[in-house]
Amino acid sequence: MQLLLLFFILAGIANFSGGMLSVVSWFFVRRKYRKTRKGKGKASIIIPLKGKDIENIEYFLNQDYEEYEIIIVVDSKEEADEIKKKYGGARVEISRKMPDCSGKISALLTGIEKCHGDIYVFADADIKPHKKWLSYLVGGIEEKAIATSYRWYFGNKILSVWNAGVASILFYPSFNFAWGGSTAIKKKDFERLEIKNIWERAIVDDLTLTMQAKRNGFKINFVPQAICEAEEEKEIIKWMNKEMAWVRYYFPSLWKIALFLNIGMRAGVAAGIVLVFFYPLIGFMLFSPLIFDFFRGWQEYATFVKLMEYEKERFFPWYVHSLLRPIISFILSYNLISSIFIKEIEWGGKKYKIAWHKYHESA
């Protein structure tokens, strides 16, 4: 009994310390990311597109940036003709199918072959970038550093708060990644890192880019000012599980840390709710992450509202983030556990078996 009590005491201290650290560290995060700068240089925006989200092209055409081109890559001539008819200012190319990589990567590599910029900007067709998006994103590029931003959902409360929790990870350099929906890299760095060779035999673009960059001493600079609105996901729980599955297969160490911390804290919360009636201090420390989550939700809301280029009225009220954040922590735990059982993912209308990819085997 004494050993069990000692275990709960240590677990309680760990839970309380972890929750306190996450809250305190956020003040330094906000201060660090206040500064922004606008980029320059010939940029090539490459957008793989599959028969939908055509209306979003308008957002890319209206960027407040001096010198850039847009290359939209589609699967068929019919799609190309439709886009050219509606948006004459955009270049459209038909994807050159490659046998050992995903359709999205085939499209990206096709776009790279056709572009003329010194900076590659990879973007998803379902984002709606604001006018300063490209300027801020390119401004995040430094020597031996890639710039990235993230998406934001304004329509669904659960999805929005879940997304904010994931986006908050990008503030921490040790855990962040280049998100494929909005990433900028110098052409010379893309070639130096030999990303083309890696992508030719990969399923996922952003996580393989992240791995290769970090292995070679590159930083991933998160640019919250370049976060942009995205089309809402339909089956959100299934989509969340898929996102965690990609992390599990391409960043197993990060996935294991996330699984251990999330499951450990959630189990501690459950135990603390029971123990608080018998050992109030121990019980409080065990379920303290639940309390810290309320505060963390408010912190994430206040930070993103302050740093993003959208009117405050577009966001859900602060109390939505604060009240839902504890629930989101449990959902994230469920997503991490569910990802263990995912062996096949439907992506872009195709199904891919995700296994220990040969890129890992050769690394």
Foldseek 3Di string as FASTA:
>chain_A
DVVVVVVLLVLLVVLLVVLVCVLVVLVVLLVVQPDFFFAAWEEEEEEEDEPDLLVLVVLVVQAPYDHYAYEYEYADPVVQVVSCVVDVRHHYYYFDDADQEAPLLSSVVVSVVPDDTQKYKAAYSFWRWHRRLNGRQNRQDDVLEKEAEEEAELPDLLLRLLRLVVRVQCSDFVRHWHDRRTIMDGPVVCVVLVLVVVRSNYYDRTLVVRVSSVVVPGTYGYNLQNHTYGDDDDPVLVVLLVVLLVCCQRVVVSLVVLLCVLVSLVVLLVVLVVCCVPVVVSSCSSNVSLVSQLVVLLSSLVSSCVRYPDDNVSHDDSNSSSVCRSVSSVSNNVSSVSSVPDQWDQDPNDIDGRDNGVVNVVD
